[in-house]
N, C-alpha and C. Protein backbone atom coordinates (compact mmCIF):
# COMPACT_ATOMS: atom_id res chain seq x y z
N MET A 1 180.06 -187.63 -54.33
CA MET A 1 180.76 -188.35 -54.41
C MET A 1 181.99 -189.27 -53.64
N SER A 2 182.30 -189.88 -54.06
CA SER A 2 182.49 -191.34 -53.61
C SER A 2 184.23 -191.30 -53.87
N SER A 3 184.94 -191.89 -53.00
CA SER A 3 186.51 -191.75 -53.36
C SER A 3 186.52 -193.34 -53.32
N THR A 4 187.66 -193.95 -53.41
CA THR A 4 188.00 -194.94 -53.20
C THR A 4 189.78 -195.02 -52.65
N GLY A 5 190.39 -196.05 -52.49
CA GLY A 5 192.03 -196.26 -52.24
C GLY A 5 192.07 -196.03 -50.58
N ALA A 6 192.81 -196.26 -49.84
CA ALA A 6 193.33 -196.40 -48.79
C ALA A 6 192.96 -195.28 -47.63
N TRP A 7 193.20 -193.86 -48.23
CA TRP A 7 192.56 -192.73 -48.00
C TRP A 7 190.99 -192.82 -47.59
N ALA A 8 190.92 -193.41 -48.90
CA ALA A 8 189.19 -192.99 -48.90
C ALA A 8 188.59 -193.68 -47.37
N ARG A 9 188.88 -195.29 -47.26
CA ARG A 9 188.49 -195.71 -46.42
C ARG A 9 189.09 -195.56 -45.24
N ARG A 10 190.50 -194.73 -44.96
CA ARG A 10 190.40 -194.54 -43.58
C ARG A 10 189.68 -193.35 -42.97
N ARG A 11 189.09 -192.45 -43.90
CA ARG A 11 188.36 -191.19 -43.74
C ARG A 11 186.66 -191.65 -43.23
N SER A 12 186.37 -192.98 -44.26
CA SER A 12 185.13 -194.53 -43.84
C SER A 12 184.87 -194.66 -42.48
N ARG A 13 186.29 -194.94 -41.86
CA ARG A 13 185.90 -195.89 -40.75
C ARG A 13 186.45 -194.55 -39.69
N ARG A 14 186.79 -193.67 -39.87
CA ARG A 14 186.45 -192.56 -39.17
C ARG A 14 185.53 -192.12 -38.86
N ALA A 15 184.44 -191.90 -40.05
CA ALA A 15 183.07 -191.60 -39.64
C ALA A 15 182.13 -193.00 -38.96
N LEU A 16 182.72 -194.01 -39.94
CA LEU A 16 181.75 -194.70 -38.92
C LEU A 16 181.99 -195.57 -37.93
N LEU A 17 182.81 -194.90 -37.27
CA LEU A 17 183.05 -194.52 -35.76
C LEU A 17 182.12 -193.99 -35.42
N GLN A 18 181.64 -193.33 -35.71
CA GLN A 18 181.01 -191.72 -34.98
C GLN A 18 179.42 -192.09 -35.63
N ALA A 19 179.13 -192.88 -36.35
CA ALA A 19 178.03 -193.01 -36.89
C ALA A 19 177.68 -194.63 -36.03
N ILE A 20 178.51 -195.72 -35.54
CA ILE A 20 178.52 -196.67 -34.77
C ILE A 20 178.32 -196.09 -33.27
N TYR A 21 179.01 -195.27 -33.05
CA TYR A 21 178.70 -194.46 -31.91
C TYR A 21 177.15 -193.89 -31.86
N GLN A 22 177.01 -193.17 -32.86
CA GLN A 22 175.31 -192.28 -32.79
C GLN A 22 174.55 -193.76 -32.10
N TRP A 23 174.27 -194.72 -32.96
CA TRP A 23 173.51 -195.77 -33.60
C TRP A 23 173.64 -196.42 -31.93
N GLN A 24 174.98 -196.60 -31.62
CA GLN A 24 174.70 -197.28 -30.03
C GLN A 24 173.93 -196.37 -28.75
N MET A 25 173.76 -195.16 -29.59
CA MET A 25 173.27 -194.32 -28.76
C MET A 25 172.22 -193.57 -28.75
N THR A 26 171.47 -193.82 -29.70
CA THR A 26 170.53 -193.30 -30.20
C THR A 26 169.68 -194.15 -30.51
N GLY A 27 169.97 -195.26 -31.11
CA GLY A 27 169.23 -196.51 -32.32
C GLY A 27 168.71 -195.51 -33.15
N ALA A 28 169.31 -194.53 -33.78
CA ALA A 28 168.99 -193.74 -34.99
C ALA A 28 169.09 -194.70 -36.46
N GLU A 29 167.97 -194.52 -37.26
CA GLU A 29 168.19 -195.50 -38.48
C GLU A 29 169.65 -194.64 -39.07
N THR A 30 169.90 -195.80 -39.79
CA THR A 30 171.30 -195.45 -40.75
C THR A 30 170.96 -195.13 -41.89
N ALA A 31 169.66 -194.26 -42.24
CA ALA A 31 169.83 -193.25 -43.57
C ALA A 31 169.66 -191.96 -42.86
N THR A 32 169.22 -191.92 -41.80
CA THR A 32 169.49 -190.36 -40.78
C THR A 32 170.65 -190.19 -40.20
N ILE A 33 171.25 -191.49 -39.89
CA ILE A 33 173.15 -191.50 -39.49
C ILE A 33 174.16 -190.91 -40.74
N GLU A 34 174.08 -191.16 -41.97
CA GLU A 34 174.62 -191.01 -43.04
C GLU A 34 174.12 -190.04 -43.48
N ARG A 35 173.09 -189.14 -43.94
CA ARG A 35 172.89 -188.17 -43.89
C ARG A 35 173.27 -186.94 -43.26
N ASP A 36 173.43 -187.57 -41.78
CA ASP A 36 173.46 -186.22 -41.10
C ASP A 36 175.09 -186.35 -41.14
N LEU A 37 175.84 -187.18 -41.18
CA LEU A 37 177.24 -187.46 -41.60
C LEU A 37 177.87 -186.15 -42.79
N ALA A 38 176.93 -186.97 -43.86
CA ALA A 38 177.16 -185.84 -45.07
C ALA A 38 176.90 -184.86 -45.06
N GLU A 39 175.92 -184.44 -44.16
CA GLU A 39 175.63 -182.91 -43.90
C GLU A 39 176.93 -182.08 -43.62
N GLU A 40 176.94 -182.80 -42.91
CA GLU A 40 178.84 -182.50 -41.35
C GLU A 40 179.92 -182.25 -42.23
N GLY A 41 179.77 -182.92 -43.50
CA GLY A 41 180.86 -183.03 -44.27
C GLY A 41 181.81 -183.87 -43.54
N ALA A 42 181.55 -185.60 -42.87
CA ALA A 42 182.29 -185.98 -42.03
C ALA A 42 182.83 -187.49 -43.28
N LEU A 43 182.01 -187.28 -44.93
CA LEU A 43 182.37 -188.17 -45.60
C LEU A 43 182.89 -187.85 -46.97
N LYS A 44 183.14 -186.79 -46.63
CA LYS A 44 183.71 -185.54 -47.89
C LYS A 44 184.85 -186.44 -47.90
N LYS A 45 185.45 -187.20 -49.54
CA LYS A 45 186.02 -187.88 -49.69
C LYS A 45 186.44 -189.61 -49.10
N ALA A 46 185.40 -189.60 -48.54
CA ALA A 46 185.65 -190.96 -47.87
C ALA A 46 185.18 -192.07 -49.14
N ASP A 47 185.13 -193.60 -48.84
CA ASP A 47 184.82 -194.27 -49.88
C ASP A 47 182.88 -194.53 -49.18
N ARG A 48 182.11 -194.08 -50.13
CA ARG A 48 181.44 -194.25 -49.81
C ARG A 48 180.22 -195.44 -49.89
N GLU A 49 180.63 -196.40 -50.59
CA GLU A 49 180.06 -197.55 -50.84
C GLU A 49 180.79 -198.19 -49.52
N PHE A 50 182.20 -198.41 -49.04
CA PHE A 50 182.46 -199.21 -48.06
C PHE A 50 181.95 -198.75 -46.44
N PHE A 51 181.84 -197.37 -46.67
CA PHE A 51 180.99 -197.23 -44.97
C PHE A 51 179.42 -197.20 -45.27
N ARG A 52 179.06 -197.33 -46.13
CA ARG A 52 177.54 -197.61 -46.24
C ARG A 52 177.33 -199.66 -45.72
N GLU A 53 177.96 -200.28 -46.35
CA GLU A 53 178.63 -201.80 -46.07
C GLU A 53 178.65 -201.96 -44.53
N LEU A 54 179.66 -201.38 -44.08
CA LEU A 54 180.00 -201.49 -42.45
C LEU A 54 178.39 -200.89 -41.90
N LEU A 55 178.45 -199.76 -42.16
CA LEU A 55 177.37 -199.07 -41.19
C LEU A 55 176.45 -200.42 -41.36
N ARG A 56 175.68 -200.36 -42.41
CA ARG A 56 174.57 -201.53 -42.22
C ARG A 56 174.84 -203.04 -41.60
N GLY A 57 175.76 -203.54 -41.96
CA GLY A 57 176.82 -204.60 -41.70
C GLY A 57 176.60 -205.06 -39.87
N VAL A 58 177.05 -203.47 -39.72
CA VAL A 58 177.00 -203.38 -38.50
C VAL A 58 175.91 -203.11 -37.26
N VAL A 59 175.37 -202.68 -37.59
CA VAL A 59 173.78 -202.18 -37.44
C VAL A 59 172.89 -203.47 -37.35
N PHE A 60 172.77 -204.08 -38.31
CA PHE A 60 171.96 -205.32 -38.41
C PHE A 60 172.65 -206.14 -38.54
N GLY A 61 173.93 -206.74 -38.15
CA GLY A 61 174.84 -208.04 -37.65
C GLY A 61 174.99 -207.62 -35.84
N ALA A 62 174.79 -206.67 -35.10
CA ALA A 62 175.45 -206.50 -34.18
C ALA A 62 175.66 -207.98 -33.33
N GLU A 63 174.38 -208.38 -32.75
CA GLU A 63 174.33 -209.80 -32.36
C GLU A 63 174.75 -210.81 -33.13
N GLU A 64 175.33 -210.85 -34.32
CA GLU A 64 176.26 -211.78 -34.49
C GLU A 64 177.66 -211.50 -34.12
N LEU A 65 177.82 -210.20 -34.56
CA LEU A 65 179.36 -209.66 -33.95
C LEU A 65 179.54 -209.61 -32.32
N ASP A 66 178.92 -209.12 -31.99
CA ASP A 66 178.83 -209.33 -30.21
C ASP A 66 179.30 -211.22 -29.80
N ALA A 67 178.43 -211.83 -31.03
CA ALA A 67 178.57 -213.08 -30.24
C ALA A 67 180.40 -213.43 -30.74
N LEU A 68 180.53 -213.12 -32.04
CA LEU A 68 182.05 -213.38 -31.94
C LEU A 68 183.00 -212.77 -31.41
N LEU A 69 182.70 -211.66 -30.60
CA LEU A 69 183.86 -210.82 -30.13
C LEU A 69 183.13 -211.70 -28.36
N ALA A 70 182.18 -211.97 -27.83
CA ALA A 70 182.78 -212.41 -26.24
C ALA A 70 183.51 -213.19 -26.19
N PRO A 71 184.11 -214.40 -26.74
CA PRO A 71 185.33 -215.45 -26.39
C PRO A 71 186.64 -214.26 -25.75
N ALA A 72 186.61 -213.37 -26.67
CA ALA A 72 187.97 -212.57 -26.52
C ALA A 72 187.82 -211.51 -25.90
N LEU A 73 186.41 -211.40 -25.15
CA LEU A 73 186.56 -210.12 -24.15
C LEU A 73 186.68 -210.72 -22.28
N ASP A 74 186.83 -209.68 -21.68
CA ASP A 74 187.13 -210.06 -20.82
C ASP A 74 186.36 -210.02 -19.47
N ARG A 75 185.10 -209.10 -20.39
CA ARG A 75 183.76 -209.03 -19.55
C ARG A 75 182.53 -208.90 -20.77
N ARG A 76 181.26 -208.16 -20.03
CA ARG A 76 180.61 -208.15 -21.48
C ARG A 76 180.53 -207.57 -21.93
N VAL A 77 180.04 -207.89 -23.08
CA VAL A 77 179.40 -206.93 -24.02
C VAL A 77 179.02 -205.74 -23.74
N GLU A 78 178.00 -205.40 -22.44
CA GLU A 78 177.15 -204.07 -22.16
C GLU A 78 178.21 -204.11 -21.56
N GLU A 79 179.08 -204.24 -20.64
CA GLU A 79 180.46 -203.37 -19.74
C GLU A 79 180.86 -202.77 -20.69
N LEU A 80 180.94 -203.06 -22.20
CA LEU A 80 182.37 -201.90 -22.61
C LEU A 80 181.90 -200.47 -23.09
N ASP A 81 183.26 -199.71 -22.82
CA ASP A 81 183.51 -198.59 -23.23
C ASP A 81 182.16 -198.18 -24.66
N LYS A 82 181.31 -197.48 -24.76
CA LYS A 82 180.82 -197.87 -26.02
C LYS A 82 181.94 -197.08 -27.45
N VAL A 83 182.93 -196.27 -26.97
CA VAL A 83 183.61 -195.87 -28.20
C VAL A 83 184.33 -197.25 -28.85
N GLU A 84 185.01 -198.03 -27.86
CA GLU A 84 184.98 -199.59 -27.62
C GLU A 84 184.72 -200.60 -28.59
N LEU A 85 183.45 -200.67 -28.22
CA LEU A 85 182.49 -201.42 -28.58
C LEU A 85 181.98 -201.54 -30.00
N ALA A 86 182.23 -199.47 -30.48
CA ALA A 86 181.66 -199.19 -31.85
C ALA A 86 183.00 -199.69 -32.44
N LEU A 87 184.47 -199.47 -32.20
CA LEU A 87 185.50 -200.00 -32.74
C LEU A 87 185.40 -201.36 -33.14
N LEU A 88 185.78 -202.24 -31.81
CA LEU A 88 185.47 -203.79 -31.96
C LEU A 88 184.86 -204.33 -32.77
N ARG A 89 183.05 -203.72 -32.88
CA ARG A 89 182.13 -204.03 -33.95
C ARG A 89 182.80 -204.39 -35.49
N LEU A 90 183.23 -202.53 -35.53
CA LEU A 90 183.48 -202.52 -36.98
C LEU A 90 184.87 -203.68 -37.24
N GLY A 91 185.96 -203.50 -36.22
CA GLY A 91 186.79 -204.28 -36.97
C GLY A 91 186.01 -206.04 -37.07
N ALA A 92 185.16 -206.17 -36.51
CA ALA A 92 184.88 -207.98 -36.75
C ALA A 92 184.01 -207.82 -37.29
N PHE A 93 183.22 -206.87 -38.02
CA PHE A 93 182.82 -207.05 -39.52
C PHE A 93 183.55 -206.86 -40.29
N GLU A 94 184.58 -206.53 -40.11
CA GLU A 94 185.87 -206.33 -41.54
C GLU A 94 186.53 -207.79 -41.06
N LEU A 95 187.05 -208.10 -40.26
CA LEU A 95 187.67 -209.21 -40.24
C LEU A 95 187.04 -210.53 -40.62
N LYS A 96 185.64 -210.77 -40.86
CA LYS A 96 184.63 -211.68 -40.96
C LYS A 96 184.59 -211.88 -42.10
N HIS A 97 183.64 -210.28 -42.87
CA HIS A 97 183.38 -210.23 -44.30
C HIS A 97 184.26 -209.53 -45.22
N ARG A 98 184.92 -208.72 -45.09
CA ARG A 98 186.26 -208.25 -45.74
C ARG A 98 187.36 -208.52 -46.40
N ILE A 99 187.46 -209.74 -46.45
CA ILE A 99 188.17 -211.02 -46.42
C ILE A 99 189.68 -210.03 -47.54
N ASP A 100 188.88 -209.58 -48.25
CA ASP A 100 190.02 -208.32 -49.24
C ASP A 100 190.81 -207.57 -48.43
N VAL A 101 190.97 -207.35 -47.62
CA VAL A 101 191.61 -206.17 -46.65
C VAL A 101 192.18 -207.52 -45.44
N PRO A 102 193.09 -207.07 -45.55
CA PRO A 102 194.43 -207.37 -44.62
C PRO A 102 194.47 -207.46 -43.20
N PHE A 103 194.11 -208.64 -42.51
CA PHE A 103 193.73 -208.49 -40.79
C PHE A 103 194.55 -207.43 -40.80
N ARG A 104 196.05 -207.53 -40.81
CA ARG A 104 196.96 -206.32 -40.01
C ARG A 104 196.81 -205.20 -39.87
N VAL A 105 196.03 -205.29 -41.67
CA VAL A 105 195.68 -203.45 -41.60
C VAL A 105 194.24 -203.32 -41.00
N VAL A 106 193.32 -204.25 -40.82
CA VAL A 106 191.87 -203.83 -39.91
C VAL A 106 192.52 -203.85 -38.46
N ILE A 107 193.45 -204.45 -38.41
CA ILE A 107 194.00 -204.19 -36.35
C ILE A 107 194.51 -202.82 -36.45
N ASP A 108 194.96 -202.58 -37.48
CA ASP A 108 196.10 -201.44 -37.18
C ASP A 108 194.96 -199.81 -37.72
N GLU A 109 194.02 -200.36 -38.27
CA GLU A 109 193.00 -198.88 -38.07
C GLU A 109 193.12 -198.76 -37.22
N TYR A 110 191.85 -200.29 -36.28
CA TYR A 110 191.04 -199.22 -35.17
C TYR A 110 191.88 -199.10 -34.33
N VAL A 111 193.11 -199.95 -33.95
CA VAL A 111 193.82 -199.47 -32.92
C VAL A 111 193.89 -197.84 -33.08
N GLU A 112 194.09 -197.59 -34.45
CA GLU A 112 195.10 -195.83 -34.52
C GLU A 112 193.58 -195.22 -33.99
N LEU A 113 192.48 -195.29 -34.41
CA LEU A 113 190.86 -194.98 -34.13
C LEU A 113 191.16 -194.69 -32.36
N ALA A 114 191.60 -195.76 -31.88
CA ALA A 114 190.85 -195.65 -30.07
C ALA A 114 191.96 -195.09 -29.58
N LYS A 115 193.13 -194.72 -30.41
CA LYS A 115 194.69 -194.40 -29.93
C LYS A 115 193.76 -192.70 -29.82
N ALA A 116 193.01 -192.12 -31.32
CA ALA A 116 192.46 -190.80 -30.95
C ALA A 116 190.95 -190.39 -30.06
N TYR A 117 190.55 -191.57 -30.22
CA TYR A 117 189.32 -191.03 -29.75
C TYR A 117 188.72 -192.25 -28.53
N GLY A 118 189.47 -193.26 -28.15
CA GLY A 118 189.06 -193.99 -26.52
C GLY A 118 189.95 -193.72 -25.70
N ALA A 119 189.80 -194.40 -24.24
CA ALA A 119 190.44 -193.90 -23.61
C ALA A 119 191.52 -194.47 -23.16
N GLU A 120 192.31 -193.51 -22.03
CA GLU A 120 194.22 -193.86 -22.33
C GLU A 120 194.22 -195.35 -22.96
N GLU A 121 194.31 -196.37 -22.16
CA GLU A 121 194.71 -197.49 -22.64
C GLU A 121 193.70 -198.25 -23.98
N SER A 122 192.98 -198.03 -24.03
CA SER A 122 191.74 -198.99 -24.53
C SER A 122 192.12 -198.92 -26.23
N PHE A 123 193.45 -198.17 -26.52
CA PHE A 123 193.97 -199.01 -27.92
C PHE A 123 194.30 -200.38 -27.44
N ARG A 124 195.07 -200.05 -26.84
CA ARG A 124 195.62 -201.96 -25.43
C ARG A 124 194.20 -203.08 -26.23
N TYR A 125 193.60 -202.96 -25.50
CA TYR A 125 192.35 -203.17 -25.64
C TYR A 125 191.49 -203.72 -26.80
N VAL A 126 191.67 -202.77 -27.64
CA VAL A 126 191.22 -203.09 -29.16
C VAL A 126 192.12 -203.92 -29.81
N ASN A 127 193.09 -203.96 -29.92
CA ASN A 127 194.63 -204.35 -30.36
C ASN A 127 194.74 -206.10 -29.92
N GLY A 128 194.11 -206.30 -28.58
CA GLY A 128 193.90 -207.27 -28.12
C GLY A 128 193.00 -208.55 -28.39
N VAL A 129 192.16 -207.87 -28.78
CA VAL A 129 190.97 -208.31 -28.80
C VAL A 129 190.49 -208.92 -30.36
N LEU A 130 190.98 -208.02 -31.00
CA LEU A 130 191.05 -208.14 -32.50
C LEU A 130 192.16 -208.68 -33.43
N ASP A 131 192.81 -208.81 -32.60
CA ASP A 131 194.20 -210.07 -32.77
C ASP A 131 194.00 -211.03 -32.59
N ARG A 132 193.34 -211.22 -30.84
CA ARG A 132 192.51 -212.61 -31.03
C ARG A 132 191.31 -213.11 -31.91
N LEU A 133 190.68 -212.46 -32.22
CA LEU A 133 189.27 -212.59 -33.33
C LEU A 133 190.05 -212.63 -34.49
N ALA A 134 190.92 -212.67 -35.03
CA ALA A 134 191.49 -212.28 -36.08
C ALA A 134 192.17 -213.40 -36.23
N GLN A 135 192.62 -213.91 -35.23
CA GLN A 135 193.74 -215.64 -35.54
C GLN A 135 192.15 -216.63 -35.25
N ASP A 136 190.91 -216.49 -34.49
CA ASP A 136 189.83 -217.49 -35.07
C ASP A 136 189.54 -217.48 -36.29
N LEU A 137 188.94 -215.82 -36.94
CA LEU A 137 188.49 -216.22 -38.22
C LEU A 137 189.52 -216.39 -40.00
N ARG A 138 190.89 -215.78 -39.18
CA ARG A 138 191.63 -215.64 -40.61
C ARG A 138 192.24 -216.72 -40.53
N ALA A 139 192.64 -218.14 -39.19
CA ALA A 139 193.59 -218.77 -39.57
C ALA A 139 193.85 -219.20 -40.80
């Protein structure tokens, strides 16, 4: 069952962080990752359509997203912490392809995830990079 709304999307974003991190570490297929997360209950009450769109968009568009992010980074994409990289790729995808979501919501959601799951100061980094990207993409 798929839910919609802000809370369902928030649950989707949390699951997406897990999904993209798993893909970055293992190279697993998107269908396998989605099935695993569903079985674990991570997608319960999540917006499944939103989840699927972002998962596939990030996995199949990673090169494009990395190129978008590169000018806003202070190091090479390959040198980023894997949690930060997952958050930045997800944020970049939403900023570029989900114009229906206000840029401030996108940034706030991924900053909160960085606070919960990232390194001690990674939320500041995620905020700065996504803010710069938002200025370029949503000017």
